[in-house]
Amino acid sequence: MTKRPLTASYVFFYILFSEDTWRIGIGVAFSVLVAPYAYEPGTDLPARVVIHIMVAGIGFAAARIPARLISRFFKKLVLGDRVT
């Protein structure tokens, strides 16, 4: 097995094709959009942080199938017939 050189393009496409990247992104976006509705205006900062982390975790877990579809779309778009 040959070790690939670590280049900027290799890292970029690894991140683009990774399902976990999209799951994290969807989880964070879900947290930013939904979590402010989950606490009252007078909630202190530590409680808001915990709520944001919990909502991001829920978004991460729920984004499995959409992340897989996004990843496959980009693989097909970039690699064409060479998709494994």
Protein backbone atom coordinates (compact mmCIF):
# COMPACT_ATOMS: atom_id res chain seq x y z
CA MET A 1 0.00 0.00 0.00
CA THR A 2 1.41 3.35 -1.05
CA LYS A 3 1.09 6.30 1.29
CA ARG A 4 -0.45 9.35 -0.39
CA PRO A 5 1.27 12.71 0.02
CA LEU A 6 -0.67 15.11 2.21
CA THR A 7 -1.56 17.98 -0.12
CA ALA A 8 -4.14 20.75 0.15
CA SER A 9 -6.26 19.23 -2.63
CA TYR A 10 -6.19 15.80 -0.94
CA VAL A 11 -7.38 17.32 2.36
CA PHE A 12 -10.05 19.41 0.58
CA PHE A 13 -11.55 16.43 -1.25
CA TYR A 14 -11.28 14.19 1.82
CA ILE A 15 -13.33 16.74 3.76
CA LEU A 16 -15.77 17.23 0.86
CA PHE A 17 -16.40 13.49 0.43
CA SER A 18 -16.62 12.63 4.14
CA GLU A 19 -20.09 11.92 5.51
CA ASP A 20 -19.02 13.04 8.97
CA THR A 21 -18.17 16.52 7.69
CA TRP A 22 -21.70 16.95 6.43
CA ARG A 23 -23.21 15.46 9.59
CA ILE A 24 -21.26 17.92 11.74
CA GLY A 25 -22.23 20.83 9.51
CA ILE A 26 -25.90 19.89 9.54
CA GLY A 27 -25.81 19.39 13.32
CA VAL A 28 -24.24 22.81 13.90
CA ALA A 29 -26.68 24.50 11.51
CA PHE A 30 -29.59 22.74 13.23
CA SER A 31 -28.30 23.93 16.60
CA VAL A 32 -27.94 27.53 15.44
CA LEU A 33 -31.44 27.56 13.95
CA VAL A 34 -33.39 25.57 16.55
CA ALA A 35 -31.68 25.96 19.94
CA PRO A 36 -32.62 29.63 20.50
CA TYR A 37 -36.25 28.51 20.57
CA ALA A 38 -35.49 25.89 23.23
CA TYR A 39 -34.62 28.26 26.07
CA GLU A 40 -36.18 31.30 27.65
CA PRO A 41 -34.67 34.79 27.23
CA GLY A 42 -33.35 34.90 30.83
CA THR A 43 -31.36 31.64 30.57
CA ASP A 44 -27.73 31.95 31.67
CA LEU A 45 -24.80 31.21 29.34
CA PRO A 46 -23.80 27.73 30.61
CA ALA A 47 -27.37 26.46 30.21
CA ARG A 48 -27.56 27.90 26.67
CA VAL A 49 -24.25 26.24 25.75
CA VAL A 50 -25.49 22.86 27.01
CA ILE A 51 -28.73 23.23 25.07
CA HIS A 52 -26.83 24.11 21.90
CA ILE A 53 -24.55 21.07 22.32
CA MET A 54 -27.53 18.76 22.90
CA VAL A 55 -29.41 20.10 19.87
CA ALA A 56 -26.26 19.80 17.73
CA GLY A 57 -25.94 16.16 18.84
CA ILE A 58 -29.53 15.49 17.88
CA GLY A 59 -28.95 17.16 14.51
CA PHE A 60 -25.79 15.09 14.00
CA ALA A 61 -27.67 11.87 14.70
CA ALA A 62 -30.61 12.81 12.49
CA ALA A 63 -28.41 13.86 9.56
CA ARG A 64 -27.08 10.39 8.72
CA ILE A 65 -29.08 9.83 5.54
CA PRO A 66 -28.94 13.42 4.20
CA ALA A 67 -25.17 13.50 4.80
CA ARG A 68 -24.74 10.24 2.93
CA LEU A 69 -26.75 11.59 -0.02
CA ILE A 70 -24.76 14.85 -0.10
CA SER A 71 -21.47 12.95 0.04
CA ARG A 72 -22.51 10.60 -2.76
CA PHE A 73 -23.69 13.56 -4.85
CA PHE A 74 -20.30 15.26 -4.61
CA LYS A 75 -18.46 12.00 -5.29
CA LYS A 76 -20.54 11.43 -8.41
CA LEU A 77 -20.17 15.07 -9.47
CA VAL A 78 -16.37 15.10 -9.12
CA LEU A 79 -15.40 11.50 -9.83
CA GLY A 80 -18.10 10.55 -12.32
CA ASP A 81 -17.89 6.84 -13.22
CA ARG A 82 -14.93 6.24 -10.89
CA VAL A 83 -17.13 6.23 -7.77
CA THR A 84 -16.56 3.16 -5.58
